[in-house]
Amino acid sequence: MEGAAIKGNLYTQDYRAMAEHIERTALPAASVTVQFEGQSEPMEFRYAYYHEHKLSLHAQFGKAEKFRLEPAVPGLLRGILASEQEYRHNFIPGVFENHLDQMIAAEKRSVTHFLKEAAANAPRPAPNKKTKEQPQR
């Protein structure tokens, strides 16, 4: 944040490749820390226990305000995150205006396709029936 403005960089990304990368590097959750509404201290549960009993836990303690998954070895996660951050330094920033132009063009194509499809499927008057002529204005 810079004042009230959100600042950052825009990068082109292959989402399928990124999802596969995340799957390969993700760590399994070992515990869950939950801050329930109205409680001053968060509660920690083993992940398997929380996953199996979450409905009854929420019925007992209320709505979760904060929820955090923790790995068995937090230092390993910090290392992975540092490595990912370093990897992102090699990305070439995009130009927001170009991205916006591409998004607008894609939306125009989508709307045009939708309108053509709707027009093709619109009911047409029967060819045998005479249509009432509209008065000239």
Protein backbone atom coordinates (compact mmCIF):
# COMPACT_ATOMS: atom_id res chain seq x y z
CA MET A 1 0.00 0.00 0.00
CA GLU A 2 1.11 3.51 -0.71
CA GLY A 3 -1.31 5.76 1.11
CA ALA A 4 -4.74 4.55 -0.03
CA ALA A 5 -3.40 3.13 -3.31
CA ILE A 6 -2.50 -0.50 -3.88
CA LYS A 7 0.90 -0.76 -5.55
CA GLY A 8 2.54 -3.78 -7.13
CA ASN A 9 3.71 -5.38 -10.31
CA LEU A 10 1.78 -7.26 -12.94
CA TYR A 11 3.25 -10.45 -14.38
CA THR A 12 2.09 -12.75 -17.14
CA GLN A 13 1.56 -16.19 -15.65
CA ASP A 14 0.76 -19.67 -16.88
CA TYR A 15 -1.83 -20.64 -14.27
CA ARG A 16 -1.73 -24.36 -15.05
CA ALA A 17 2.06 -24.46 -14.65
CA MET A 18 1.81 -22.34 -11.48
CA ALA A 19 -0.82 -24.68 -9.98
CA GLU A 20 1.37 -27.69 -10.76
CA HIS A 21 4.36 -25.94 -9.19
CA ILE A 22 2.37 -25.15 -6.03
CA GLU A 23 1.21 -28.77 -5.82
CA ARG A 24 4.81 -30.01 -6.07
CA THR A 25 6.21 -27.60 -3.47
CA ALA A 26 3.31 -27.37 -0.99
CA LEU A 27 3.74 -28.73 2.49
CA PRO A 28 0.98 -30.71 4.18
CA ALA A 29 -0.79 -28.99 7.06
CA ALA A 30 0.06 -30.46 10.46
CA SER A 31 -2.00 -28.15 12.64
CA VAL A 32 -4.72 -25.52 12.47
CA THR A 33 -4.87 -22.35 14.55
CA VAL A 34 -8.37 -20.89 14.79
CA GLN A 35 -9.47 -17.63 16.42
CA PHE A 36 -13.15 -18.07 17.20
CA GLU A 37 -15.46 -15.07 17.42
CA GLY A 38 -15.62 -13.65 20.93
CA GLN A 39 -12.59 -15.54 22.25
CA SER A 40 -9.42 -13.70 23.22
CA GLU A 41 -6.99 -16.54 22.53
CA PRO A 42 -6.73 -18.68 19.38
CA MET A 43 -7.07 -22.45 19.68
CA GLU A 44 -4.76 -24.96 18.03
CA PHE A 45 -5.82 -28.38 16.72
CA ARG A 46 -4.05 -31.19 14.89
CA TYR A 47 -5.07 -30.84 11.23
CA ALA A 48 -6.60 -34.33 10.97
CA TYR A 49 -8.66 -33.76 14.14
CA TYR A 50 -9.89 -30.34 12.99
CA HIS A 51 -10.72 -31.63 9.51
CA GLU A 52 -12.74 -34.51 10.99
CA HIS A 53 -14.53 -32.44 13.68
CA LYS A 54 -14.78 -28.92 12.24
CA LEU A 55 -18.59 -28.84 12.17
CA SER A 56 -18.89 -29.78 15.83
CA LEU A 57 -16.02 -27.43 16.78
CA HIS A 58 -17.75 -24.51 15.05
CA ALA A 59 -21.05 -25.46 16.67
CA GLN A 60 -19.31 -25.48 20.06
CA PHE A 61 -17.06 -22.40 19.73
CA GLY A 62 -18.81 -20.32 17.06
CA LYS A 63 -17.71 -18.64 13.88
CA ALA A 64 -14.01 -18.59 13.01
CA GLU A 65 -12.62 -15.06 12.63
CA LYS A 66 -9.09 -16.17 11.74
CA PHE A 67 -7.84 -19.47 10.42
CA ARG A 68 -4.24 -20.51 9.82
CA LEU A 69 -2.77 -23.80 8.62
CA GLU A 70 0.68 -24.64 9.95
CA PRO A 71 3.21 -27.17 8.59
CA ALA A 72 5.02 -29.63 10.84
CA VAL A 73 8.32 -27.80 10.23
CA PRO A 74 7.71 -24.01 10.05
CA GLY A 75 11.35 -23.35 9.10
CA LEU A 76 10.91 -25.44 5.97
CA LEU A 77 7.95 -23.26 4.93
CA ARG A 78 9.98 -20.08 5.52
CA GLY A 79 12.70 -21.49 3.27
CA ILE A 80 10.22 -22.32 0.50
CA LEU A 81 8.64 -18.85 0.72
CA ALA A 82 12.07 -17.16 0.60
CA SER A 83 12.99 -19.26 -2.44
CA GLU A 84 9.72 -18.33 -4.18
CA GLN A 85 10.26 -14.64 -3.44
CA GLU A 86 13.78 -14.83 -4.89
CA TYR A 87 12.45 -16.64 -7.97
CA ARG A 88 9.92 -13.83 -8.57
CA HIS A 89 12.70 -11.24 -8.72
CA ASN A 90 13.55 -12.69 -12.14
CA PHE A 91 10.09 -11.96 -13.54
CA ILE A 92 9.77 -9.18 -16.09
CA PRO A 93 7.03 -6.73 -15.05
CA GLY A 94 4.19 -6.28 -17.50
CA VAL A 95 2.55 -3.04 -18.61
CA PHE A 96 -0.83 -2.57 -16.97
CA GLU A 97 -2.30 -0.63 -19.90
CA ASN A 98 -1.48 -3.51 -22.28
CA HIS A 99 -3.07 -5.98 -19.88
CA LEU A 100 -6.16 -3.80 -19.57
CA ASP A 101 -6.42 -3.50 -23.38
CA GLN A 102 -6.24 -7.31 -23.67
CA MET A 103 -8.93 -7.74 -21.01
CA ILE A 104 -11.23 -5.24 -22.76
CA ALA A 105 -10.69 -6.93 -26.14
CA ALA A 106 -11.45 -10.36 -24.63
CA GLU A 107 -14.61 -8.99 -22.99
CA LYS A 108 -15.74 -7.46 -26.30
CA ARG A 109 -15.24 -10.82 -28.03
CA SER A 110 -17.19 -12.57 -25.28
CA VAL A 111 -20.10 -10.10 -25.42
CA THR A 112 -20.17 -10.19 -29.23
CA HIS A 113 -20.25 -14.00 -29.18
CA PHE A 114 -23.06 -13.95 -26.60
CA LEU A 115 -25.12 -11.45 -28.64
CA LYS A 116 -24.68 -13.45 -31.86
CA GLU A 117 -25.70 -16.64 -30.07
CA ALA A 118 -28.72 -14.93 -28.49
CA ALA A 119 -29.78 -13.51 -31.86
CA ALA A 120 -29.46 -16.91 -33.51
CA ASN A 121 -31.66 -18.48 -30.82
CA ALA A 122 -34.23 -15.68 -30.64
CA PRO A 123 -37.77 -16.71 -31.59
CA ARG A 124 -38.76 -15.63 -35.09
CA PRO A 125 -42.31 -14.89 -36.28
CA ALA A 126 -43.89 -17.69 -38.30
CA PRO A 127 -43.38 -17.13 -42.04
CA ASN A 128 -47.05 -17.75 -42.90
CA LYS A 129 -48.49 -15.21 -40.52
CA LYS A 130 -48.73 -11.61 -41.51
CA THR A 131 -46.95 -9.36 -39.14
CA LYS A 132 -48.61 -6.19 -38.08
CA GLU A 133 -46.98 -3.30 -39.84
CA GLN A 134 -45.55 -0.68 -37.56
CA PRO A 135 -46.71 2.89 -38.21
CA GLN A 136 -44.09 5.29 -39.54
CA ARG A 137 -42.91 7.84 -37.03
